[in-house]
Amino acid sequence: MLARVHNDLDPEYTDRKLRRWTFDRGASAAFLLAAAGVVLNAILVATWISQGFALDQIYHPVVFGLLLVVLGFQTFAFTLLLTIVAPKR
């Protein structure tokens, strides 16, 4: 998608993607994803501290929380790159 927008061979496609993926929308989505992941990971940290820095069992939602943090970063990076490579109009 980045290459298609950067080369602007199909202006209709480029306009449609740039209308859908604005920087504000992408940054907001990235923040929401990362914030949800941090909340899930904060639960584990609170449990870990309350148990004297030892975990008795694996807390599986933390894996999903880490995934959300990574997806938030990737979404922000993609949005930033899309804004950079978009043709100036």
N, C-alpha and C. Protein backbone atom coordinates (compact mmCIF):
# COMPACT_ATOMS: atom_id res chain seq x y z
N MET A 1 0.83 -1.18 0.00
CA MET A 1 0.00 0.00 0.00
C MET A 1 0.88 1.26 0.00
N LEU A 2 1.96 1.23 0.78
CA LEU A 2 2.83 2.41 0.81
C LEU A 2 3.41 2.71 -0.56
N ALA A 3 3.81 1.67 -1.29
CA ALA A 3 4.38 1.87 -2.62
C ALA A 3 3.33 2.41 -3.59
N ARG A 4 2.11 1.89 -3.50
CA ARG A 4 1.06 2.36 -4.41
C ARG A 4 0.71 3.82 -4.15
N VAL A 5 0.71 4.22 -2.88
CA VAL A 5 0.40 5.60 -2.55
C VAL A 5 1.58 6.50 -2.95
N HIS A 6 2.79 6.04 -2.69
CA HIS A 6 3.97 6.87 -3.01
C HIS A 6 4.10 7.11 -4.51
N ASN A 7 3.89 6.07 -5.32
CA ASN A 7 4.02 6.22 -6.77
C ASN A 7 2.82 6.91 -7.40
N ASP A 8 1.68 6.87 -6.75
CA ASP A 8 0.47 7.57 -7.19
C ASP A 8 0.09 7.23 -8.64
N LEU A 9 0.18 5.93 -8.98
CA LEU A 9 -0.19 5.51 -10.33
C LEU A 9 -1.71 5.52 -10.52
N ASP A 10 -2.43 5.31 -9.44
CA ASP A 10 -3.89 5.34 -9.48
C ASP A 10 -4.35 6.42 -8.50
N PRO A 11 -4.56 7.64 -8.98
CA PRO A 11 -4.91 8.75 -8.06
C PRO A 11 -6.19 8.49 -7.25
N GLU A 12 -7.13 7.76 -7.82
CA GLU A 12 -8.36 7.46 -7.08
C GLU A 12 -8.06 6.58 -5.87
N TYR A 13 -7.23 5.57 -6.07
CA TYR A 13 -6.82 4.69 -4.96
C TYR A 13 -6.09 5.49 -3.89
N THR A 14 -5.16 6.33 -4.32
CA THR A 14 -4.39 7.15 -3.38
C THR A 14 -5.30 8.06 -2.57
N ASP A 15 -6.22 8.73 -3.23
CA ASP A 15 -7.13 9.62 -2.52
C ASP A 15 -8.00 8.86 -1.52
N ARG A 16 -8.49 7.71 -1.94
CA ARG A 16 -9.33 6.90 -1.05
C ARG A 16 -8.56 6.47 0.19
N LYS A 17 -7.33 6.01 0.03
CA LYS A 17 -6.52 5.56 1.17
C LYS A 17 -6.13 6.72 2.07
N LEU A 18 -5.81 7.85 1.48
CA LEU A 18 -5.41 9.00 2.30
C LEU A 18 -6.60 9.60 3.05
N ARG A 19 -7.80 9.48 2.50
CA ARG A 19 -8.99 9.93 3.23
C ARG A 19 -9.27 9.00 4.41
N ARG A 20 -9.06 7.70 4.21
CA ARG A 20 -9.34 6.72 5.26
C ARG A 20 -8.28 6.74 6.34
N TRP A 21 -7.01 6.80 5.95
CA TRP A 21 -5.90 6.72 6.91
C TRP A 21 -5.29 8.10 7.15
N THR A 22 -5.99 8.95 7.86
CA THR A 22 -5.40 10.23 8.23
C THR A 22 -4.45 10.01 9.39
N PHE A 23 -3.56 10.97 9.60
CA PHE A 23 -2.60 10.84 10.70
C PHE A 23 -3.31 10.80 12.05
N ASP A 24 -4.34 11.61 12.20
CA ASP A 24 -5.06 11.65 13.48
C ASP A 24 -5.75 10.32 13.78
N ARG A 25 -6.39 9.73 12.78
CA ARG A 25 -7.03 8.43 12.99
C ARG A 25 -6.03 7.34 13.31
N GLY A 26 -4.93 7.34 12.57
CA GLY A 26 -3.91 6.32 12.81
C GLY A 26 -3.26 6.46 14.17
N ALA A 27 -2.95 7.69 14.56
CA ALA A 27 -2.34 7.90 15.87
C ALA A 27 -3.31 7.56 16.99
N SER A 28 -4.58 7.87 16.79
CA SER A 28 -5.59 7.53 17.81
C SER A 28 -5.75 6.03 17.94
N ALA A 29 -5.81 5.33 16.82
CA ALA A 29 -5.92 3.87 16.86
C ALA A 29 -4.69 3.26 17.51
N ALA A 30 -3.52 3.78 17.19
CA ALA A 30 -2.28 3.27 17.78
C ALA A 30 -2.27 3.49 19.29
N PHE A 31 -2.70 4.67 19.72
CA PHE A 31 -2.75 4.96 21.15
C PHE A 31 -3.73 4.02 21.86
N LEU A 32 -4.90 3.80 21.29
CA LEU A 32 -5.89 2.92 21.92
C LEU A 32 -5.38 1.48 22.03
N LEU A 33 -4.74 1.00 20.97
CA LEU A 33 -4.18 -0.35 21.01
C LEU A 33 -3.11 -0.48 22.08
N ALA A 34 -2.18 0.46 22.08
CA ALA A 34 -1.09 0.41 23.05
C ALA A 34 -1.61 0.60 24.48
N ALA A 35 -2.58 1.48 24.67
CA ALA A 35 -3.12 1.71 26.02
C ALA A 35 -3.83 0.46 26.54
N ALA A 36 -4.57 -0.22 25.68
CA ALA A 36 -5.23 -1.47 26.10
C ALA A 36 -4.19 -2.51 26.49
N GLY A 37 -3.11 -2.58 25.73
CA GLY A 37 -2.04 -3.52 26.06
C GLY A 37 -1.36 -3.18 27.37
N VAL A 38 -1.14 -1.90 27.61
CA VAL A 38 -0.51 -1.48 28.86
C VAL A 38 -1.40 -1.80 30.06
N VAL A 39 -2.71 -1.62 29.89
CA VAL A 39 -3.64 -1.95 30.99
C VAL A 39 -3.56 -3.44 31.32
N LEU A 40 -3.56 -4.29 30.30
CA LEU A 40 -3.45 -5.72 30.55
C LEU A 40 -2.12 -6.07 31.22
N ASN A 41 -1.05 -5.42 30.83
CA ASN A 41 0.25 -5.70 31.42
C ASN A 41 0.35 -5.10 32.82
N ALA A 42 -0.33 -4.00 33.09
CA ALA A 42 -0.31 -3.40 34.42
C ALA A 42 -0.97 -4.32 35.45
N ILE A 43 -1.97 -5.06 35.01
CA ILE A 43 -2.61 -6.03 35.91
C ILE A 43 -1.59 -7.06 36.36
N LEU A 44 -0.76 -7.54 35.43
CA LEU A 44 0.27 -8.51 35.79
C LEU A 44 1.31 -7.89 36.72
N VAL A 45 1.71 -6.67 36.45
CA VAL A 45 2.71 -6.02 37.31
C VAL A 45 2.17 -5.84 38.72
N ALA A 46 0.91 -5.44 38.84
CA ALA A 46 0.30 -5.28 40.16
C ALA A 46 0.24 -6.62 40.89
N THR A 47 -0.12 -7.67 40.19
CA THR A 47 -0.17 -9.00 40.79
C THR A 47 1.23 -9.45 41.20
N TRP A 48 2.19 -9.20 40.35
CA TRP A 48 3.57 -9.58 40.62
C TRP A 48 4.11 -8.89 41.87
N ILE A 49 3.83 -7.59 41.99
CA ILE A 49 4.29 -6.84 43.16
C ILE A 49 3.58 -7.31 44.42
N SER A 50 2.26 -7.55 44.33
CA SER A 50 1.50 -7.98 45.51
C SER A 50 1.90 -9.37 45.99
N GLN A 51 2.48 -10.18 45.11
CA GLN A 51 2.91 -11.53 45.51
C GLN A 51 4.39 -11.57 45.89
N GLY A 52 4.96 -10.42 46.14
CA GLY A 52 6.35 -10.38 46.58
C GLY A 52 7.34 -10.63 45.45
N PHE A 53 7.05 -10.12 44.28
CA PHE A 53 7.92 -10.24 43.10
C PHE A 53 8.14 -11.70 42.68
N ALA A 54 7.09 -12.48 42.82
CA ALA A 54 7.13 -13.87 42.35
C ALA A 54 5.77 -14.19 41.74
N LEU A 55 5.78 -14.91 40.65
CA LEU A 55 4.54 -15.31 40.01
C LEU A 55 4.28 -16.79 40.28
N ASP A 56 3.08 -17.07 40.76
CA ASP A 56 2.71 -18.46 41.02
C ASP A 56 2.24 -19.16 39.76
N GLN A 57 1.66 -18.39 38.86
CA GLN A 57 1.12 -18.97 37.63
C GLN A 57 1.28 -17.97 36.48
N ILE A 58 1.12 -18.48 35.29
CA ILE A 58 1.22 -17.63 34.09
C ILE A 58 -0.12 -16.91 33.91
N TYR A 59 -0.04 -15.63 33.62
CA TYR A 59 -1.23 -14.81 33.36
C TYR A 59 -1.31 -14.61 31.85
N HIS A 60 -2.13 -15.40 31.18
CA HIS A 60 -2.16 -15.46 29.73
C HIS A 60 -2.59 -14.17 29.03
N PRO A 61 -3.47 -13.35 29.57
CA PRO A 61 -3.81 -12.10 28.88
C PRO A 61 -2.62 -11.16 28.66
N VAL A 62 -1.52 -11.37 29.38
CA VAL A 62 -0.35 -10.53 29.19
C VAL A 62 0.23 -10.71 27.78
N VAL A 63 0.17 -11.91 27.27
CA VAL A 63 0.66 -12.16 25.91
C VAL A 63 -0.16 -11.33 24.92
N PHE A 64 -1.46 -11.31 25.13
CA PHE A 64 -2.33 -10.49 24.28
C PHE A 64 -2.03 -9.01 24.49
N GLY A 65 -1.74 -8.61 25.72
CA GLY A 65 -1.38 -7.22 26.00
C GLY A 65 -0.11 -6.81 25.28
N LEU A 66 0.88 -7.69 25.27
CA LEU A 66 2.11 -7.39 24.53
C LEU A 66 1.84 -7.28 23.03
N LEU A 67 0.97 -8.15 22.53
CA LEU A 67 0.59 -8.08 21.12
C LEU A 67 -0.06 -6.74 20.81
N LEU A 68 -0.92 -6.26 21.68
CA LEU A 68 -1.58 -4.98 21.46
C LEU A 68 -0.58 -3.83 21.48
N VAL A 69 0.40 -3.89 22.35
CA VAL A 69 1.43 -2.84 22.39
C VAL A 69 2.22 -2.84 21.09
N VAL A 70 2.60 -4.02 20.60
CA VAL A 70 3.34 -4.12 19.34
C VAL A 70 2.49 -3.63 18.18
N LEU A 71 1.22 -4.02 18.15
CA LEU A 71 0.33 -3.56 17.08
C LEU A 71 0.13 -2.05 17.13
N GLY A 72 0.08 -1.48 18.32
CA GLY A 72 -0.02 -0.04 18.45
C GLY A 72 1.19 0.66 17.87
N PHE A 73 2.39 0.13 18.16
CA PHE A 73 3.60 0.71 17.60
C PHE A 73 3.61 0.58 16.08
N GLN A 74 3.24 -0.60 15.57
CA GLN A 74 3.24 -0.81 14.13
C GLN A 74 2.23 0.10 13.44
N THR A 75 1.07 0.29 14.04
CA THR A 75 0.06 1.16 13.46
C THR A 75 0.56 2.60 13.41
N PHE A 76 1.20 3.04 14.47
CA PHE A 76 1.73 4.41 14.48
C PHE A 76 2.84 4.56 13.43
N ALA A 77 3.73 3.58 13.35
CA ALA A 77 4.82 3.66 12.37
C ALA A 77 4.28 3.65 10.95
N PHE A 78 3.28 2.81 10.67
CA PHE A 78 2.68 2.78 9.34
C PHE A 78 2.02 4.10 9.01
N THR A 79 1.29 4.67 9.96
CA THR A 79 0.62 5.95 9.73
C THR A 79 1.64 7.05 9.46
N LEU A 80 2.72 7.04 10.22
CA LEU A 80 3.77 8.04 10.01
C LEU A 80 4.41 7.88 8.64
N LEU A 81 4.71 6.65 8.24
CA LEU A 81 5.29 6.42 6.91
C LEU A 81 4.33 6.80 5.80
N LEU A 82 3.06 6.49 5.99
CA LEU A 82 2.07 6.85 4.97
C LEU A 82 2.00 8.36 4.80
N THR A 83 2.06 9.08 5.91
CA THR A 83 2.04 10.54 5.84
C THR A 83 3.29 11.07 5.14
N ILE A 84 4.43 10.42 5.36
CA ILE A 84 5.67 10.86 4.75
C ILE A 84 5.68 10.61 3.24
N VAL A 85 5.22 9.42 2.81
CA VAL A 85 5.33 9.07 1.39
C VAL A 85 4.16 9.58 0.55
N ALA A 86 3.14 10.09 1.20
CA ALA A 86 1.96 10.56 0.44
C ALA A 86 2.36 11.73 -0.45
N PRO A 87 1.86 11.73 -1.69
CA PRO A 87 2.18 12.84 -2.58
C PRO A 87 1.56 14.14 -2.08
N LYS A 88 2.28 15.22 -2.26
CA LYS A 88 1.78 16.52 -1.83
C LYS A 88 0.76 17.02 -2.84
N ARG A 89 -0.37 17.47 -2.36
CA ARG A 89 -1.43 17.96 -3.25
C ARG A 89 -1.87 19.32 -2.83
